[in-house]
Amino acid sequence: GLSNSREDYFFYPVLLGIDRAVDWVAARPDVDRTRFRYEGTSQGGGFGFYLTGLNRTFTRAAFFVPAITDTMGYLRGRQSGWPQIIESQHEANKASAAKFAPYFDGANFASRIRCPVRVAVGFADTTCAPCAVYAAYNEIRGVDKGIVHGFGMGHGCFGKFYEELGKWLKR
């Protein structure tokens, strides 16, 4: 549906629904809003850019090998992050899909993130290439951001990063 409109793309209602779910959880009386954190890997990491950019409730976030970034990177000779939403289109749909793809790029939401963020990138990741991850990471304007580099790490994130960033999230 991406070639029809942004509203017809699968991620559009999912994104809005998850944002509403975050609001519902945050409004519960048994939730500590001073420690409201996000952690996600791959597609979950990409959705982290979406949710922490849309929703001011989050107090910290960690994205591991995040997907859905640099959707237009292929135009500059870079590998776009999974799911490579333009490259995977039928040739007849690519031009119209390119109008809507930037809306779903993690970088589009990254500039709106206000909470502290850590990102893990794999330098041997062929699913979410480092250039695609950095395209979104570089758009984070918050003062407290950091990135950990997995030299030799593919799309399966090193356990030490989950441990280190997990501890950081809980601080």
C-alpha atoms as a PDB file:
ATOM      1  CA  GLY A   1       0.000   0.000   0.000  1.00  0.00           C
ATOM      2  CA  LEU A   2       2.957   2.389   0.201  1.00  0.00           C
ATOM      3  CA  SER A   3       2.577   3.386  -3.427  1.00  0.00           C
ATOM      4  CA  ASN A   4      -1.044   4.503  -2.818  1.00  0.00           C
ATOM      5  CA  SER A   5      -0.643   6.767   0.219  1.00  0.00           C
ATOM      6  CA  ARG A   6       1.084   6.821   3.579  1.00  0.00           C
ATOM      7  CA  GLU A   7      -2.241   5.973   5.225  1.00  0.00           C
ATOM      8  CA  ASP A   8      -2.518   2.775   3.137  1.00  0.00           C
ATOM      9  CA  TYR A   9       0.909   1.495   4.172  1.00  0.00           C
ATOM     10  CA  PHE A  10       0.864  -1.343   6.700  1.00  0.00           C
ATOM     11  CA  PHE A  11       2.993   0.518   9.283  1.00  0.00           C
ATOM     12  CA  TYR A  12       0.715   3.587   9.428  1.00  0.00           C
ATOM     13  CA  PRO A  13      -2.116   2.165  11.585  1.00  0.00           C
ATOM     14  CA  VAL A  14       0.381   0.040  13.499  1.00  0.00           C
ATOM     15  CA  LEU A  15       2.409   3.118  14.398  1.00  0.00           C
ATOM     16  CA  LEU A  16      -0.638   5.078  15.531  1.00  0.00           C
ATOM     17  CA  GLY A  17      -2.015   2.108  17.460  1.00  0.00           C
ATOM     18  CA  ILE A  18       1.221   1.495  19.337  1.00  0.00           C
ATOM     19  CA  ASP A  19       1.471   5.190  20.185  1.00  0.00           C
ATOM     20  CA  ARG A  20      -2.053   5.055  21.630  1.00  0.00           C
ATOM     21  CA  ALA A  21      -1.130   1.929  23.576  1.00  0.00           C
ATOM     22  CA  VAL A  22       1.861   3.757  25.081  1.00  0.00           C
ATOM     23  CA  ASP A  23      -0.459   6.588  26.157  1.00  0.00           C
ATOM     24  CA  TRP A  24      -2.830   4.069  27.749  1.00  0.00           C
ATOM     25  CA  VAL A  25      -0.049   2.308  29.659  1.00  0.00           C
ATOM     26  CA  ALA A  26       1.502   5.616  30.772  1.00  0.00           C
ATOM     27  CA  ALA A  27      -1.868   6.831  32.114  1.00  0.00           C
ATOM     28  CA  ARG A  28      -2.253   3.834  34.421  1.00  0.00           C
ATOM     29  CA  PRO A  29      -1.925   4.718  38.124  1.00  0.00           C
ATOM     30  CA  ASP A  30       0.494   1.826  38.743  1.00  0.00           C
ATOM     31  CA  VAL A  31       3.076   3.101  36.214  1.00  0.00           C
ATOM     32  CA  ASP A  32       6.145   5.051  37.288  1.00  0.00           C
ATOM     33  CA  ARG A  33       6.414   7.714  34.575  1.00  0.00           C
ATOM     34  CA  THR A  34       9.841   8.761  35.853  1.00  0.00           C
ATOM     35  CA  ARG A  35      11.189   5.400  34.635  1.00  0.00           C
ATOM     36  CA  PHE A  36       9.309   4.882  31.373  1.00  0.00           C
ATOM     37  CA  ARG A  37      11.765   3.265  28.974  1.00  0.00           C
ATOM     38  CA  TYR A  38      11.896   1.781  25.514  1.00  0.00           C
ATOM     39  CA  GLU A  39      14.104  -1.048  24.286  1.00  0.00           C
ATOM     40  CA  GLY A  40      13.890  -2.707  20.885  1.00  0.00           C
ATOM     41  CA  THR A  41      15.901  -4.686  18.353  1.00  0.00           C
ATOM     42  CA  SER A  42      15.721  -4.623  14.539  1.00  0.00           C
ATOM     43  CA  GLN A  43      12.131  -3.688  13.626  1.00  0.00           C
ATOM     44  CA  GLY A  44      11.608  -2.973  17.324  1.00  0.00           C
ATOM     45  CA  GLY A  45      14.607  -0.650  17.201  1.00  0.00           C
ATOM     46  CA  GLY A  46      13.146   1.126  14.198  1.00  0.00           C
ATOM     47  CA  PHE A  47       9.839   1.485  15.998  1.00  0.00           C
ATOM     48  CA  GLY A  48      11.800   2.963  18.875  1.00  0.00           C
ATOM     49  CA  PHE A  49      12.690   5.913  16.665  1.00  0.00           C
ATOM     50  CA  TYR A  50       8.991   6.258  15.821  1.00  0.00           C
ATOM     51  CA  LEU A  51       7.641   5.990  19.340  1.00  0.00           C
ATOM     52  CA  THR A  52      10.223   8.040  21.210  1.00  0.00           C
ATOM     53  CA  GLY A  53       9.947  10.709  18.529  1.00  0.00           C
ATOM     54  CA  LEU A  54       6.157  10.793  18.720  1.00  0.00           C
ATOM     55  CA  ASN A  55       5.604  10.253  22.412  1.00  0.00           C
ATOM     56  CA  ARG A  56       7.200  12.420  25.111  1.00  0.00           C
ATOM     57  CA  THR A  57       6.461   9.845  27.827  1.00  0.00           C
ATOM     58  CA  PHE A  58       9.744   7.950  27.419  1.00  0.00           C
ATOM     59  CA  THR A  59      12.580   8.793  29.792  1.00  0.00           C
ATOM     60  CA  ARG A  60      15.280   6.609  28.160  1.00  0.00           C
ATOM     61  CA  ALA A  61      15.582   4.394  25.114  1.00  0.00           C
ATOM     62  CA  ALA A  62      17.940   1.865  23.543  1.00  0.00           C
ATOM     63  CA  PHE A  63      17.745   0.718  19.932  1.00  0.00           C
ATOM     64  CA  PHE A  64      19.721  -2.355  18.878  1.00  0.00           C
ATOM     65  CA  VAL A  65      20.553  -2.723  15.153  1.00  0.00           C
ATOM     66  CA  PRO A  66      17.477  -0.631  14.284  1.00  0.00           C
ATOM     67  CA  ALA A  67      15.606  -1.215  11.034  1.00  0.00           C
ATOM     68  CA  ILE A  68      13.444   1.118   8.917  1.00  0.00           C
ATOM     69  CA  THR A  69      16.151   3.755   8.501  1.00  0.00           C
ATOM     70  CA  ASP A  70      17.588   5.643   5.525  1.00  0.00           C
ATOM     71  CA  THR A  71      14.675   4.672   3.280  1.00  0.00           C
ATOM     72  CA  MET A  72      16.046   6.813   0.462  1.00  0.00           C
ATOM     73  CA  GLY A  73      19.707   5.851   0.953  1.00  0.00           C
ATOM     74  CA  TYR A  74      19.708   3.791  -2.212  1.00  0.00           C
ATOM     75  CA  LEU A  75      19.504   7.065  -4.190  1.00  0.00           C
ATOM     76  CA  ARG A  76      22.981   7.920  -2.867  1.00  0.00           C
ATOM     77  CA  GLY A  77      24.424   4.452  -3.396  1.00  0.00           C
ATOM     78  CA  ARG A  78      23.887   3.336   0.213  1.00  0.00           C
ATOM     79  CA  GLN A  79      21.998   0.304   1.422  1.00  0.00           C
ATOM     80  CA  SER A  80      18.688   1.310   2.966  1.00  0.00           C
ATOM     81  CA  GLY A  81      17.731  -0.408   6.196  1.00  0.00           C
ATOM     82  CA  TRP A  82      15.315  -3.298   6.251  1.00  0.00           C
ATOM     83  CA  PRO A  83      12.691  -3.624   4.763  1.00  0.00           C
ATOM     84  CA  GLN A  84      14.154  -1.514   1.943  1.00  0.00           C
ATOM     85  CA  ILE A  85      10.679  -0.266   1.222  1.00  0.00           C
ATOM     86  CA  ILE A  86      11.459   1.372  -2.104  1.00  0.00           C
ATOM     87  CA  GLU A  87      13.828  -1.257  -3.453  1.00  0.00           C
ATOM     88  CA  SER A  88      11.296  -4.013  -2.684  1.00  0.00           C
ATOM     89  CA  GLN A  89       8.505  -2.342  -4.685  1.00  0.00           C
ATOM     90  CA  HIS A  90       7.507  -3.407  -8.175  1.00  0.00           C
ATOM     91  CA  GLU A  91       9.193  -1.130 -10.672  1.00  0.00           C
ATOM     92  CA  ALA A  92       5.882   0.512 -11.616  1.00  0.00           C
ATOM     93  CA  ASN A  93       5.269   1.493  -7.956  1.00  0.00           C
ATOM     94  CA  LYS A  94       8.711   2.838  -7.018  1.00  0.00           C
ATOM     95  CA  ALA A  95       8.174   6.481  -8.005  1.00  0.00           C
ATOM     96  CA  SER A  96       4.910   6.838  -6.108  1.00  0.00           C
ATOM     97  CA  ALA A  97       6.227   4.876  -3.108  1.00  0.00           C
ATOM     98  CA  ALA A  98       9.226   7.209  -2.937  1.00  0.00           C
ATOM     99  CA  LYS A  99       6.845  10.087  -2.134  1.00  0.00           C
ATOM    100  CA  PHE A 100       5.693   8.373   1.061  1.00  0.00           C
ATOM    101  CA  ALA A 101       8.737   6.376   2.169  1.00  0.00           C
ATOM    102  CA  PRO A 102      10.521   9.251   3.963  1.00  0.00           C
ATOM    103  CA  TYR A 103       7.595   9.529   6.355  1.00  0.00           C
ATOM    104  CA  PHE A 104       8.393   6.020   7.636  1.00  0.00           C
ATOM    105  CA  ASP A 105      12.141   6.594   7.922  1.00  0.00           C
ATOM    106  CA  GLY A 106      13.449   6.455  11.489  1.00  0.00           C
ATOM    107  CA  ALA A 107      15.391   9.641  10.719  1.00  0.00           C
ATOM    108  CA  ASN A 108      12.105  11.490  10.231  1.00  0.00           C
ATOM    109  CA  PHE A 109      11.239  10.811  13.870  1.00  0.00           C
ATOM    110  CA  ALA A 110      14.769  10.898  15.323  1.00  0.00           C
ATOM    111  CA  SER A 111      14.989  14.692  15.307  1.00  0.00           C
ATOM    112  CA  ARG A 112      11.950  14.777  17.632  1.00  0.00           C
ATOM    113  CA  ILE A 113      13.455  12.488  20.299  1.00  0.00           C
ATOM    114  CA  ARG A 114      14.028  14.297  23.601  1.00  0.00           C
ATOM    115  CA  CYS A 115      14.969  11.483  25.981  1.00  0.00           C
ATOM    116  CA  PRO A 116      18.477  10.009  26.396  1.00  0.00           C
ATOM    117  CA  VAL A 117      19.142   7.372  23.717  1.00  0.00           C
ATOM    118  CA  ARG A 118      21.706   4.659  23.050  1.00  0.00           C
ATOM    119  CA  VAL A 119      22.026   2.818  19.749  1.00  0.00           C
ATOM    120  CA  ALA A 120      23.925  -0.373  18.877  1.00  0.00           C
ATOM    121  CA  VAL A 121      25.165  -0.745  15.303  1.00  0.00           C
ATOM    122  CA  GLY A 122      26.701  -3.826  13.717  1.00  0.00           C
ATOM    123  CA  PHE A 123      29.480  -3.143  11.252  1.00  0.00           C
ATOM    124  CA  ALA A 124      28.907  -6.526   9.588  1.00  0.00           C
ATOM    125  CA  ASP A 125      25.115  -6.114   9.548  1.00  0.00           C
ATOM    126  CA  THR A 126      23.760  -6.679   6.038  1.00  0.00           C
ATOM    127  CA  THR A 127      20.118  -6.318   7.119  1.00  0.00           C
ATOM    128  CA  CYS A 128      20.386  -2.902   8.779  1.00  0.00           C
ATOM    129  CA  ALA A 129      23.606  -1.547   7.341  1.00  0.00           C
ATOM    130  CA  PRO A 130      25.700   0.814   9.483  1.00  0.00           C
ATOM    131  CA  CYS A 131      25.160   3.675   7.027  1.00  0.00           C
ATOM    132  CA  ALA A 132      21.383   3.318   7.435  1.00  0.00           C
ATOM    133  CA  VAL A 133      21.597   3.205  11.233  1.00  0.00           C
ATOM    134  CA  TYR A 134      23.859   6.263  11.293  1.00  0.00           C
ATOM    135  CA  ALA A 135      21.487   8.163   8.977  1.00  0.00           C
ATOM    136  CA  ALA A 136      18.850   8.033  11.725  1.00  0.00           C
ATOM    137  CA  TYR A 137      21.245   8.313  14.681  1.00  0.00           C
ATOM    138  CA  ASN A 138      22.762  11.515  13.288  1.00  0.00           C
ATOM    139  CA  GLU A 139      19.314  13.135  13.299  1.00  0.00           C
ATOM    140  CA  ILE A 140      18.851  12.709  17.061  1.00  0.00           C
ATOM    141  CA  ARG A 141      19.134  16.217  18.440  1.00  0.00           C
ATOM    142  CA  GLY A 142      19.041  15.331  22.138  1.00  0.00           C
ATOM    143  CA  VAL A 143      22.153  16.153  24.107  1.00  0.00           C
ATOM    144  CA  ASP A 144      22.426  12.715  25.704  1.00  0.00           C
ATOM    145  CA  LYS A 145      22.911  10.204  22.920  1.00  0.00           C
ATOM    146  CA  GLY A 146      25.477   7.516  22.320  1.00  0.00           C
ATOM    147  CA  ILE A 147      26.251   4.709  19.927  1.00  0.00           C
ATOM    148  CA  VAL A 148      28.111   1.455  20.492  1.00  0.00           C
ATOM    149  CA  HIS A 149      29.961  -0.149  17.616  1.00  0.00           C
ATOM    150  CA  GLY A 150      29.822  -3.858  17.006  1.00  0.00           C
ATOM    151  CA  PHE A 151      32.904  -4.517  14.922  1.00  0.00           C
ATOM    152  CA  GLY A 152      32.311  -7.898  13.304  1.00  0.00           C
ATOM    153  CA  MET A 153      28.734  -7.919  14.595  1.00  0.00           C
ATOM    154  CA  GLY A 154      26.007  -8.833  12.150  1.00  0.00           C
ATOM    155  CA  HIS A 155      22.299  -8.390  12.667  1.00  0.00           C
ATOM    156  CA  GLY A 156      22.388 -10.569  15.779  1.00  0.00           C
ATOM    157  CA  CYS A 157      23.405  -8.076  18.434  1.00  0.00           C
ATOM    158  CA  PHE A 158      26.263  -8.968  20.794  1.00  0.00           C
ATOM    159  CA  GLY A 159      25.061 -10.010  24.223  1.00  0.00           C
ATOM    160  CA  LYS A 160      27.460  -7.573  25.886  1.00  0.00           C
ATOM    161  CA  PHE A 161      25.556  -4.682  24.279  1.00  0.00           C
ATOM    162  CA  TYR A 162      22.247  -5.920  25.644  1.00  0.00           C
ATOM    163  CA  GLU A 163      23.877  -6.198  29.051  1.00  0.00           C
ATOM    164  CA  GLU A 164      25.650  -2.812  28.977  1.00  0.00           C
ATOM    165  CA  LEU A 165      22.739  -0.845  27.551  1.00  0.00           C
ATOM    166  CA  GLY A 166      20.280  -2.747  29.717  1.00  0.00           C
ATOM    167  CA  LYS A 167      22.180  -1.546  32.796  1.00  0.00           C
ATOM    168  CA  TRP A 168      22.222   1.987  31.379  1.00  0.00           C
ATOM    169  CA  LEU A 169      18.445   1.858  30.823  1.00  0.00           C
ATOM    170  CA  LYS A 170      17.845   0.865  34.443  1.00  0.00           C
ATOM    171  CA  ARG A 171      19.993   3.636  35.943  1.00  0.00           C
END
